Structure formats: structure tokens, C-alpha cells
């Protein structure tokens, strides 16, 4: 991660075709299939659901409802009003410190 604030990591997925296709399938266009997806990591499934709900209530567009993932986590996607995609996820393999920052394993 190049930059990180509490519970948010900037991930460069290099125009990963699978991710771009998945976002397009759920209605993303323009900036939402750009090179960077922002990710907010939270501590539970309930927090993922709440963050997605809060984002939509604030004007975001839900791209993909939260669901269990193949990597044993739970995540969903929204696009902010400028079309940038955000993933909200709970990753059982990552720990969050007291400030909510991701502590990478290893």
C-alpha cells in the first residue's frame, strides 16, 4: 500500500481485467473502472454493511452488494459521486490496530 489512513488502503490493481469486468457487470463506468480502487477495511461483516449503507445514503452508487468472498472475507463495492470505486471489506487475515489501520501480516 502506498498510502494509508485509518482503515483505508490505496491499492493499485494495474487494471486487473477480472476486477474491471466485475465492476462493469454491476454498472460501473468511467472512473469506476480506473486503475485504482480504494479500499476501506473494517472489523466485521456488520461494519461492512453499515459503511455501504452510509455511503449510499450520502450519494454513492452501490456497485456490488456485500457478500462472502472466495478468500474467506466479506466485501462490497460502491462508486463515489465522481465515479471512483471503493471496496469496503472485512478480511479475517488482516488485523486492524487501535487507530483502525491495517496491520499487514509478516
Protein backbone atom coordinates (compact mmCIF):
# COMPACT_ATOMS: atom_id res chain seq x y z
CA UNK A 1 0.00 0.00 0.00
CA UNK A 2 1.46 3.33 -0.99
CA UNK A 3 -0.63 5.45 1.36
CA UNK A 4 -2.79 4.57 4.27
CA UNK A 5 -5.07 6.40 6.66
CA UNK A 6 -7.13 4.81 9.40
CA UNK A 7 -8.75 1.71 7.87
CA UNK A 8 -8.18 2.88 4.26
CA UNK A 9 -5.54 1.47 1.94
CA UNK A 10 -4.78 2.60 -1.62
CA UNK A 11 -4.32 -0.43 -3.82
CA UNK A 12 -3.10 -0.33 -7.42
CA UNK A 13 -4.54 -3.33 -9.22
CA UNK A 14 -2.99 -2.42 -12.58
CA UNK A 15 -6.29 -2.54 -14.50
CA UNK A 16 -6.90 -6.10 -13.38
CA UNK A 17 -9.33 -7.31 -16.05
CA UNK A 18 -11.29 -9.55 -13.73
CA UNK A 19 -11.95 -6.71 -11.28
CA UNK A 20 -12.79 -4.25 -14.07
CA UNK A 21 -15.18 -6.73 -15.66
CA UNK A 22 -16.85 -7.40 -12.32
CA UNK A 23 -17.31 -3.68 -11.68
CA UNK A 24 -18.70 -3.12 -15.20
CA UNK A 25 -21.11 -6.02 -14.68
CA UNK A 26 -22.53 -4.12 -11.72
CA UNK A 27 -22.94 -0.86 -13.65
CA UNK A 28 -19.62 0.90 -13.13
CA UNK A 29 -18.43 3.21 -15.89
CA UNK A 30 -15.68 5.78 -16.46
CA UNK A 31 -13.62 6.42 -13.36
CA UNK A 32 -15.13 3.39 -11.66
CA UNK A 33 -13.07 1.04 -13.81
CA UNK A 34 -9.90 3.07 -13.45
CA UNK A 35 -6.52 1.79 -12.40
CA UNK A 36 -7.01 2.41 -8.68
CA UNK A 37 -9.67 1.11 -6.33
CA UNK A 38 -9.77 2.49 -2.81
CA UNK A 39 -10.44 0.02 -0.03
CA UNK A 40 -11.77 0.60 3.44
CA UNK A 41 -11.11 -2.27 5.81
CA UNK A 42 -13.34 -2.73 8.81
CA UNK A 43 -13.55 -5.26 11.60
CA UNK A 44 -16.79 -7.14 10.89
CA UNK A 45 -19.47 -8.00 8.37
CA UNK A 46 -21.87 -5.67 10.18
CA UNK A 47 -19.40 -2.80 9.74
CA UNK A 48 -19.13 -3.56 6.00
CA UNK A 49 -22.91 -3.45 5.68
CA UNK A 50 -23.12 -0.21 7.68
CA UNK A 51 -20.35 1.50 5.66
CA UNK A 52 -22.03 0.58 2.36
CA UNK A 53 -25.39 1.80 3.64
CA UNK A 54 -23.85 5.08 4.85
CA UNK A 55 -22.10 5.61 1.51
CA UNK A 56 -25.31 5.10 -0.46
CA UNK A 57 -27.25 7.40 1.89
CA UNK A 58 -24.54 10.05 1.28
CA UNK A 59 -24.95 9.84 -2.51
CA UNK A 60 -22.76 6.92 -3.61
CA UNK A 61 -23.96 4.26 -6.07
CA UNK A 62 -23.90 0.66 -4.90
CA UNK A 63 -21.90 -1.36 -7.45
CA UNK A 64 -21.91 -4.76 -5.76
CA UNK A 65 -23.72 -5.67 -2.55
CA UNK A 66 -21.61 -7.14 0.23
CA UNK A 67 -21.12 -10.89 0.09
CA UNK A 68 -18.77 -13.59 1.29
CA UNK A 69 -15.61 -13.75 -0.86
CA UNK A 70 -13.52 -16.62 -2.19
CA UNK A 71 -10.68 -15.50 0.12
CA UNK A 72 -12.85 -16.03 3.24
CA UNK A 73 -13.60 -12.34 3.69
CA UNK A 74 -16.69 -10.22 3.14
CA UNK A 75 -16.85 -7.20 0.84
CA UNK A 76 -18.94 -4.95 -1.36
CA UNK A 77 -18.33 -2.04 -3.73
CA UNK A 78 -19.73 1.44 -4.26
CA UNK A 79 -18.84 4.32 -6.58
CA UNK A 80 -18.49 7.78 -5.09
CA UNK A 81 -20.24 10.71 -6.84
CA UNK A 82 -17.16 11.17 -9.08
CA UNK A 83 -17.36 7.52 -10.20
CA UNK A 84 -14.35 6.23 -8.24
CA UNK A 85 -14.79 2.66 -6.97
CA UNK A 86 -14.44 1.83 -3.29
CA UNK A 87 -14.34 -1.60 -1.75
CA UNK A 88 -15.45 -2.00 1.85
CA UNK A 89 -14.11 -5.25 3.25
CA UNK A 90 -13.60 -7.33 6.32
CA UNK A 91 -10.52 -9.51 5.91
CA UNK A 92 -10.14 -12.17 8.63
CA UNK A 93 -6.41 -12.43 7.89
CA UNK A 94 -5.64 -8.75 8.48
CA UNK A 95 -5.56 -7.12 11.86
CA UNK A 96 -6.60 -3.51 12.47
CA UNK A 97 -4.62 -1.56 15.05
CA UNK A 98 -6.16 0.73 17.67
CA UNK A 99 -6.46 3.54 15.11
CA UNK A 100 -8.15 1.27 12.57
CA UNK A 101 -5.06 0.94 10.36
CA UNK A 102 -4.42 -2.34 8.58
CA UNK A 103 -1.50 -4.29 10.05
CA UNK A 104 -0.20 -6.42 7.22
CA UNK A 105 0.89 -9.96 8.15
CA UNK A 106 4.55 -10.83 8.12
